[in-house]
Protein backbone atom coordinates (compact mmCIF):
# COMPACT_ATOMS: atom_id res chain seq x y z
CA MET A 1 23.25 48.55 62.32
CA TYR A 2 23.46 45.75 64.68
CA ASN A 3 22.30 42.48 65.24
CA ASN A 4 19.64 42.02 68.04
CA MET A 5 20.92 38.74 69.04
CA ASP A 6 24.58 39.05 69.86
CA ASN A 7 24.87 42.90 69.21
CA ASN A 8 27.39 42.20 66.15
CA PRO A 9 27.65 44.74 63.47
CA VAL A 10 26.11 43.23 60.31
CA GLN A 11 28.76 43.23 57.18
CA PRO A 12 26.93 44.58 54.33
CA GLY A 13 29.98 44.24 51.98
CA TYR A 14 29.53 40.74 52.17
CA ASP A 15 25.90 40.67 51.29
CA GLU A 16 26.33 43.06 48.34
CA ASP A 17 29.40 40.89 46.97
CA GLU A 18 27.21 37.68 47.10
CA ILE A 19 24.47 39.72 45.27
CA SER A 20 26.70 41.17 42.57
CA LEU A 21 27.98 37.43 42.08
CA LEU A 22 24.25 36.36 41.81
CA ASP A 23 23.51 39.27 39.63
CA LEU A 24 26.56 38.10 37.13
CA ALA A 25 25.50 34.68 37.11
CA THR A 26 22.21 35.70 36.21
CA THR A 27 23.21 37.90 33.23
CA LEU A 28 25.34 35.28 32.03
CA GLY A 29 22.55 32.72 31.95
CA GLU A 30 20.30 35.14 30.32
CA GLU A 31 23.01 35.42 27.55
CA LYS A 32 23.88 31.86 27.46
CA LYS A 33 22.73 31.75 24.02
CA LEU A 34 25.05 34.05 23.05
CA ILE A 35 27.90 32.98 25.15
CA VAL A 36 27.57 29.38 23.66
CA GLY A 37 26.55 30.39 20.01
CA LEU A 38 29.39 32.90 19.18
CA PRO A 39 32.38 30.87 20.01
CA LEU A 40 30.58 27.76 18.43
CA VAL A 41 29.97 29.82 15.16
CA ALA A 42 33.66 31.10 15.32
CA GLY A 43 35.04 27.62 16.03
CA ILE A 44 33.21 26.30 12.80
CA ALA A 45 34.18 29.44 10.66
CA ALA A 46 38.03 28.84 11.93
CA ILE A 47 37.63 25.30 10.82
CA VAL A 48 36.68 26.21 7.19
CA ILE A 49 38.92 28.82 6.86
CA SER A 50 41.95 26.76 8.09
CA LEU A 51 40.59 23.93 5.62
CA LEU A 52 40.66 26.34 2.84
CA LEU A 53 44.13 27.82 3.64
CA SER A 54 46.93 26.28 1.45
CA PRO A 55 49.40 24.04 3.11
CA VAL A 56 52.84 25.40 4.02
CA PHE A 57 56.19 23.44 4.24
CA THR A 58 59.40 24.41 5.93
CA ALA A 59 62.80 23.45 4.69
CA ARG A 60 65.63 23.39 6.82
CA THR A 61 69.35 23.20 6.19
CA THR A 62 72.15 23.58 8.95
CA LEU A 63 75.67 25.22 8.00
CA LEU A 64 78.75 24.96 10.06
CA PRO A 65 80.59 28.31 9.90
CA PRO A 66 84.34 28.45 9.51
CA GLN A 67 86.60 27.41 12.29
CA SER A 68 89.03 29.98 13.27
CA GLY A 69 92.79 28.50 12.99
CA GLY A 70 96.03 29.54 14.03
CA GLY A 71 96.97 31.42 10.75
CA GLY A 72 99.59 29.04 9.47
CA GLY A 73 103.06 29.61 7.65
CA ALA A 74 101.70 33.00 5.98
CA ALA A 75 100.61 34.39 8.93
CA ALA A 76 104.13 33.91 10.78
CA ALA A 77 105.83 35.41 7.80
CA LEU A 78 103.36 38.16 7.63
CA ALA A 79 104.56 38.92 11.17
CA GLN A 80 108.25 39.62 9.97
CA LEU A 81 106.79 42.20 7.67
CA GLY A 82 106.06 44.50 10.63
CA GLY A 83 103.24 47.12 10.43
CA LEU A 84 102.53 45.58 6.58
CA ALA A 85 99.76 43.76 8.23
CA GLY A 86 98.11 46.68 9.93
CA LEU A 87 98.55 49.01 6.77
CA ALA A 88 97.05 46.31 4.86
CA GLY A 89 93.77 45.98 7.16
CA ILE A 90 94.14 42.41 7.81
CA SER A 91 92.12 41.23 10.88
CA THR A 92 92.92 38.59 13.23
CA GLY A 93 89.68 37.25 14.08
CA GLY A 94 87.48 34.62 12.26
CA THR A 95 84.36 34.55 10.58
CA THR A 96 81.55 34.87 13.20
CA GLY A 97 77.95 33.20 13.17
CA ASP A 98 76.28 36.99 13.09
CA THR A 99 78.71 37.76 9.97
CA ILE A 100 77.30 34.73 7.89
CA VAL A 101 73.60 35.75 9.23
CA THR A 102 74.28 39.24 7.84
CA MET A 103 75.44 38.15 4.50
CA LEU A 104 72.35 35.62 4.08
CA LYS A 105 70.33 38.51 4.88
CA SER A 106 72.06 41.08 2.61
CA ARG A 107 70.89 42.52 -0.53
CA SER A 108 73.35 41.00 -2.59
CA ALA A 109 72.26 37.25 -1.57
CA LYS A 110 68.39 38.35 -1.73
CA ASP A 111 69.15 39.46 -5.79
CA GLU A 112 70.86 36.07 -6.45
CA ILE A 113 68.15 34.35 -5.18
CA ILE A 114 65.43 36.36 -6.64
CA ASP A 115 67.24 36.05 -10.13
CA ARG A 116 67.98 32.26 -10.03
CA PHE A 117 64.39 31.47 -9.01
CA LYS A 118 62.58 34.23 -10.79
CA LEU A 119 60.66 35.05 -7.72
CA ILE A 120 59.42 38.35 -9.17
CA GLU A 121 57.07 36.35 -11.73
CA ARG A 122 56.33 33.46 -9.04
CA TYR A 123 55.39 35.79 -6.35
CA GLU A 124 53.55 38.07 -8.68
CA ALA A 125 55.26 41.09 -7.54
CA GLU A 126 55.32 44.46 -9.18
CA LYS A 127 58.66 45.81 -7.82
CA ARG A 128 61.47 43.90 -6.41
CA GLN A 129 61.34 45.78 -3.28
CA ASP A 130 58.00 43.52 -2.62
CA VAL A 131 60.22 40.73 -3.08
CA TYR A 132 62.52 41.64 -0.52
CA LEU A 133 59.84 42.03 1.98
CA GLU A 134 58.05 38.70 0.79
CA LEU A 135 61.62 36.81 1.17
CA ASP A 136 61.96 38.60 5.14
CA LYS A 137 58.73 36.79 5.85
CA LEU A 138 59.31 33.15 4.22
CA VAL A 139 63.20 33.13 4.77
CA ARG A 140 64.34 32.83 8.42
CA VAL A 141 68.08 32.98 9.22
CA SER A 142 69.39 32.30 12.79
CA SER A 143 72.42 31.25 14.68
CA ASP A 144 73.10 29.43 17.60
CA LYS A 145 74.93 31.19 20.26
CA LYS A 146 76.19 27.93 21.73
CA SER A 147 76.90 25.62 19.23
CA GLY A 148 77.61 28.33 16.55
CA LEU A 149 75.46 26.45 14.06
CA ILE A 150 73.61 28.51 11.31
CA THR A 151 69.99 27.37 10.33
CA ILE A 152 68.27 28.56 7.12
CA GLU A 153 64.36 27.79 6.94
CA VAL A 154 62.28 28.44 4.04
CA ASP A 155 58.41 28.24 3.62
CA ASP A 156 56.86 27.81 0.43
CA GLU A 157 53.47 25.93 -0.85
CA ASP A 158 55.75 23.36 -2.93
CA PRO A 159 58.08 21.16 -0.43
CA ALA A 160 60.49 20.57 -3.28
CA PHE A 161 60.86 24.10 -4.01
CA ALA A 162 61.68 25.10 -0.59
CA ALA A 163 64.25 22.72 -0.22
CA GLU A 164 65.88 23.63 -3.31
CA MET A 165 65.46 27.49 -2.40
CA ALA A 166 67.38 26.38 1.15
CA ASN A 167 70.29 24.66 -0.59
CA ALA A 168 70.58 27.42 -2.99
CA TYR A 169 71.27 29.86 -0.20
CA TYR A 170 74.25 27.70 0.81
CA GLU A 171 75.83 28.27 -2.70
CA VAL A 172 75.09 31.90 -2.70
CA LEU A 173 76.74 32.15 0.74
CA ARG A 174 79.91 30.54 -0.94
CA GLY A 175 80.01 32.68 -3.62
CA LEU A 176 80.09 35.90 -1.39
CA MET A 177 82.45 34.44 0.89
CA THR A 178 84.68 33.68 -2.27
CA ARG A 179 84.41 37.16 -3.60
CA VAL A 180 84.12 39.08 -0.18
CA ALA A 181 87.44 38.14 2.21
CA VAL A 182 86.01 37.70 5.79
CA THR A 183 88.41 35.08 7.23
CA GLU A 184 92.13 35.92 8.19
CA ALA A 185 93.59 33.64 5.74
CA GLN A 186 91.42 34.75 2.71
CA GLN A 187 92.39 38.51 3.66
CA ARG A 188 96.10 37.35 3.60
CA ARG A 189 95.89 35.67 0.34
CA VAL A 190 93.62 38.76 -1.34
CA PHE A 191 96.31 41.08 0.06
CA PHE A 192 99.30 39.51 -1.04
CA GLU A 193 97.59 38.62 -4.49
CA GLY A 194 97.39 42.21 -5.21
CA GLN A 195 101.01 42.85 -3.78
CA PHE A 196 102.33 39.97 -6.10
CA ALA A 197 100.53 41.37 -8.81
CA LYS A 198 101.95 44.76 -8.10
CA ALA A 199 105.61 43.55 -7.90
CA LYS A 200 105.06 41.66 -11.03
CA GLU A 201 104.04 44.99 -12.90
CA ASP A 202 107.13 46.98 -10.96
CA LEU A 203 109.48 44.47 -12.11
CA GLY A 204 108.47 44.30 -15.68
CA ASN A 205 108.70 48.28 -15.90
CA ALA A 206 112.05 48.27 -14.53
CA GLU A 207 113.28 45.47 -16.90
CA VAL A 208 112.05 47.66 -19.84
CA ALA A 209 113.84 50.80 -18.23
CA LEU A 210 117.20 48.97 -18.10
CA LYS A 211 116.67 47.89 -21.77
CA GLU A 212 116.11 51.44 -22.92
CA THR A 213 119.09 52.55 -20.81
CA GLN A 214 121.01 49.66 -22.51
CA GLU A 215 120.21 50.70 -26.10
CA ARG A 216 120.53 54.57 -25.02
CA THR A 217 123.91 54.07 -23.52
CA GLY A 218 125.30 50.92 -25.26
CA LEU A 219 126.15 49.48 -21.98
CA VAL A 220 125.16 45.65 -21.67
CA GLU A 221 127.40 44.58 -18.66
CA LEU A 222 129.16 47.35 -17.01
CA LYS A 223 132.29 46.09 -15.71
CA SER A 224 133.47 43.69 -18.99
CA GLN A 225 132.41 46.64 -21.31
CA ALA A 226 134.54 49.05 -19.24
CA GLU A 227 137.31 47.21 -18.86
CA ALA A 228 137.21 46.30 -22.73
CA THR A 229 137.07 50.28 -23.47
CA ILE A 230 139.95 51.23 -21.08
CA GLY A 231 141.84 48.24 -22.55
CA ALA A 232 141.27 49.23 -26.14
CA VAL A 233 141.90 53.10 -25.46
CA ALA A 234 145.20 51.98 -23.81
CA ARG A 235 146.03 49.62 -26.66
CA LEU A 236 145.45 52.64 -29.27
CA ARG A 237 147.71 54.97 -27.40
CA ALA A 238 150.42 52.70 -27.05
CA GLU A 239 150.26 51.93 -30.75
CA ILE A 240 150.00 55.44 -31.50
CA ALA A 241 153.24 56.21 -29.17
CA GLN A 242 155.23 53.20 -30.88
CA ARG A 243 154.37 54.83 -34.42
CA GLU A 244 155.49 58.33 -33.33
CA VAL A 245 158.75 56.80 -32.01
CA GLN A 246 159.04 55.05 -35.03
CA LEU A 247 158.33 58.02 -37.22
CA SER A 248 160.98 60.14 -35.21
CA ALA A 249 163.45 57.43 -35.82
CA MET A 250 162.62 57.75 -39.86
CA ARG A 251 163.13 61.57 -39.88
CA THR A 252 167.18 61.01 -39.24
CA PHE A 253 167.46 59.29 -42.40
CA ALA A 254 164.13 59.57 -44.48
CA THR A 255 162.43 62.52 -46.12
CA ALA A 256 158.57 62.94 -45.64
CA GLU A 257 158.30 61.63 -49.35
CA ASN A 258 159.48 58.40 -48.29
CA ALA A 259 157.17 55.70 -48.80
CA ASP A 260 157.71 54.00 -45.50
CA TYR A 261 157.51 57.32 -43.67
CA ARG A 262 154.35 58.24 -45.47
CA ARG A 263 152.60 54.65 -44.41
CA VAL A 264 153.54 55.06 -40.80
CA GLN A 265 152.29 58.42 -40.64
CA ALA A 266 148.93 57.23 -42.00
CA GLU A 267 148.97 54.73 -39.59
CA ILE A 268 149.29 57.09 -36.92
CA ASN A 269 146.35 59.35 -38.18
CA GLY A 270 144.16 56.09 -38.70
CA LEU A 271 145.10 55.14 -34.89
CA ARG A 272 144.29 58.84 -33.49
CA SER A 273 140.95 58.90 -35.59
CA GLU A 274 139.91 55.64 -33.77
CA LEU A 275 140.73 57.15 -30.40
CA LYS A 276 138.82 59.97 -31.03
CA LYS A 277 135.88 58.27 -32.02
CA LEU A 278 136.16 56.01 -28.89
CA ASP A 279 136.93 58.99 -26.43
CA LYS A 280 133.93 61.01 -27.94
CA GLY A 281 130.79 58.46 -28.30
CA GLY A 282 132.27 55.87 -30.92
CA SER A 283 130.93 52.39 -30.49
CA GLY A 284 134.40 50.49 -31.53
CA GLY A 285 133.24 48.91 -34.40
CA ASP A 286 131.89 45.36 -33.60
CA LEU A 287 133.64 45.19 -30.42
CA GLY A 288 130.67 46.34 -28.51
CA LEU A 289 132.89 49.22 -26.92
CA VAL A 290 131.42 52.27 -25.26
CA SER A 291 132.32 55.96 -25.25
CA ALA A 292 135.48 56.47 -22.78
CA GLY A 293 134.55 59.94 -22.63
CA ASN A 294 131.06 59.36 -21.13
CA LEU A 295 131.76 56.17 -19.52
CA PRO A 296 131.16 57.60 -15.92
CA GLU A 297 127.97 59.13 -16.85
CA GLN A 298 126.58 56.09 -18.69
CA GLY A 299 127.93 53.76 -16.07
CA LEU A 300 125.93 55.58 -13.40
CA GLU A 301 122.82 55.53 -15.37
CA TYR A 302 123.09 51.94 -16.12
CA VAL A 303 123.99 51.10 -12.49
CA ARG A 304 120.81 52.95 -11.28
CA ALA A 305 118.58 51.06 -13.70
CA PHE A 306 120.34 47.68 -13.13
CA ARG A 307 120.26 48.24 -9.24
CA GLU A 308 116.07 48.93 -9.67
CA VAL A 309 115.86 45.36 -11.77
CA LYS A 310 117.62 43.66 -8.78
CA TYR A 311 115.26 45.35 -6.10
CA GLN A 312 112.37 44.68 -8.01
CA GLU A 313 113.44 41.03 -8.40
CA ALA A 314 113.82 40.87 -4.47
CA ILE A 315 110.44 42.18 -3.97
CA PHE A 316 108.98 39.88 -6.54
CA GLU A 317 110.33 36.68 -5.12
CA ILE A 318 109.12 37.77 -1.62
CA MET A 319 105.62 38.47 -2.42
CA ALA A 320 105.43 35.54 -4.67
CA LYS A 321 106.46 33.47 -1.62
CA GLN A 322 104.10 34.81 0.80
CA PHE A 323 101.34 34.54 -1.99
CA GLU A 324 101.97 31.01 -2.05
CA LEU A 325 101.96 30.66 1.57
CA ALA A 326 98.76 32.70 1.85
CA LYS A 327 96.97 30.17 -0.87
CA ILE A 328 98.07 27.10 1.17
CA ASP A 329 96.93 28.66 4.49
CA GLU A 330 93.52 29.52 3.27
CA ALA A 331 93.05 26.07 1.81
CA LYS A 332 93.97 24.55 5.43
CA ASP A 333 92.11 27.26 7.27
CA GLY A 334 88.43 25.87 6.57
CA GLY A 335 87.39 29.01 5.24
CA ASP A 336 84.62 27.95 3.57
CA VAL A 337 81.15 27.36 5.38
CA GLN A 338 80.23 23.66 5.56
CA GLN A 339 76.74 22.21 4.93
CA LEU A 340 75.86 19.85 7.79
CA ASP A 341 72.69 18.98 6.85
CA ALA A 342 71.24 19.91 3.28
CA ALA A 343 67.65 20.92 3.13
CA VAL A 344 65.35 17.95 2.05
CA ALA A 345 61.94 18.32 0.70
CA PRO A 346 59.69 17.92 3.96
CA GLU A 347 56.97 15.32 4.11
CA ARG A 348 54.64 17.15 6.50
CA LYS A 349 53.27 20.73 6.34
CA SER A 350 54.23 23.23 8.95
CA LYS A 351 51.54 25.53 8.30
CA PRO A 352 48.65 26.21 9.14
CA LYS A 353 48.26 24.51 12.65
CA ARG A 354 44.52 24.13 12.30
CA ALA A 355 44.03 23.11 16.05
CA ILE A 356 45.58 26.38 17.28
CA ILE A 357 43.62 28.57 14.53
CA VAL A 358 40.25 27.04 15.95
CA LEU A 359 41.28 27.11 19.70
CA ALA A 360 42.20 30.71 19.32
CA ALA A 361 39.23 31.55 17.53
CA VAL A 362 37.09 29.81 19.94
CA LEU A 363 38.77 31.42 22.96
CA GLY A 364 38.67 34.77 21.40
CA ALA A 365 34.97 34.37 20.52
CA GLY A 366 34.21 32.91 24.07
CA PHE A 367 35.83 36.38 25.71
CA LEU A 368 34.10 38.57 23.22
CA ALA A 369 30.57 36.71 24.22
CA VAL A 370 31.00 37.05 27.65
CA LEU A 371 31.97 40.63 27.39
CA LEU A 372 28.82 41.35 25.24
CA ALA A 373 26.52 39.57 27.80
CA LEU A 374 27.48 41.62 30.45
CA LEU A 375 27.47 44.85 28.40
CA ARG A 376 23.70 43.83 27.44
CA GLY A 377 22.92 42.98 31.04
CA ALA A 378 24.56 46.49 32.48
CA ILE A 379 22.12 47.88 29.50
CA ARG A 380 18.84 46.54 30.79
CA ASN A 381 19.45 47.33 34.28
CA ALA A 382 20.17 50.82 33.46
CA LYS A 383 16.89 51.07 31.85
CA THR A 384 15.14 50.19 35.19
CA ASN A 385 17.18 52.34 37.11
CA PRO A 386 16.05 56.03 36.55
CA GLU A 387 19.37 57.40 37.66
CA THR A 388 21.42 55.08 35.70
CA GLN A 389 18.91 55.65 32.65
CA GLY A 390 19.80 59.43 32.98
CA LYS A 391 23.36 58.71 32.78
CA LEU A 392 22.98 56.07 29.76
CA VAL A 393 21.31 59.11 27.97
CA SER A 394 24.30 61.32 28.23
CA LEU A 395 26.59 58.68 27.35
CA ARG A 396 24.74 58.15 24.20
CA ARG A 397 24.33 62.02 23.74
CA ALA A 398 28.30 62.50 24.51
CA TRP A 399 29.02 59.57 21.66
CA GLY A 400 26.46 61.20 19.21
CA LEU A 401 24.13 58.14 19.37
CA LYS A 402 20.44 57.98 18.99
CA THR A 403 18.47 58.33 22.37
């Protein structure tokens, strides 16, 4: 279609858009009571509800995680042990903020908090699992990636209780870090503590074995006792030889019934008896002598038991020194988390935020009112248009609504 004045085509799209906007404004005007009334009612209801909600206070504490150190004397000494550190599973890294956050969120930490504050009764929960879920909502633990600081926030209706629980999380964390070695110095201390205890036990067993060997063989000090035994054997044999020479000399002028001859013969028999006892296991009386016949076997057994004691003594001394160095390094390493800001009872509530609640209710109700107004206007228009009215009937039938 053309305009008769300037032969330019008419722009029906512009007219249709203009009419649509006028229809939209008209529809909204007809439903102004709904558009104004619904947000007003929602705002008043939101104010009433927000006033009825109990105020919630948030207590906050800030923690400084352990700072990684150089390792100290125990680390340097540990390096001399070669692959022992790797076999022990000792790591070379420090405690990260994420590790501490995970520990604070662990079931062990929650259990200690629940038992300390009797949260099952406080939250009127039927099961402990319900308290876990409640703590996940009321307690927030976060770590600042830049500064590394860890923040613990606890929500509760009682500000003093919220502050007490937040500080309790710090105490629980220290207990967990004492029980679970997470820093390099702590891992070294735990490792050498176990090795020291084992070396102490092994040394005790070796000393008992040496004592049993001494009691069984009669050896107390191998070198001196062996020399004494050999000397005693040599002395007895020399005396026997001397008596035999003397007896041979006496046979030239005396008979077997001679008193001196019989005395020398008795002395020889006594010396031979003593030598026999010493050769075949005799103790040599009160001289502390051992069997000369079994001296090599007894000496070998004693040497092995004595060597084991000396070996275990050396291991014990090494582990004792490493254990002491590890304890010193742990004390210097700053393995404990430090509480930078202790939680105090908050003076102002953190929830509910009444202004936000009312504003959200009004905006939501306003959007819903506009949507309902447009829907009602469309239904009215459909009733006046036969074609659209037929579509409306079909829509109601499709949804099972009354026509």
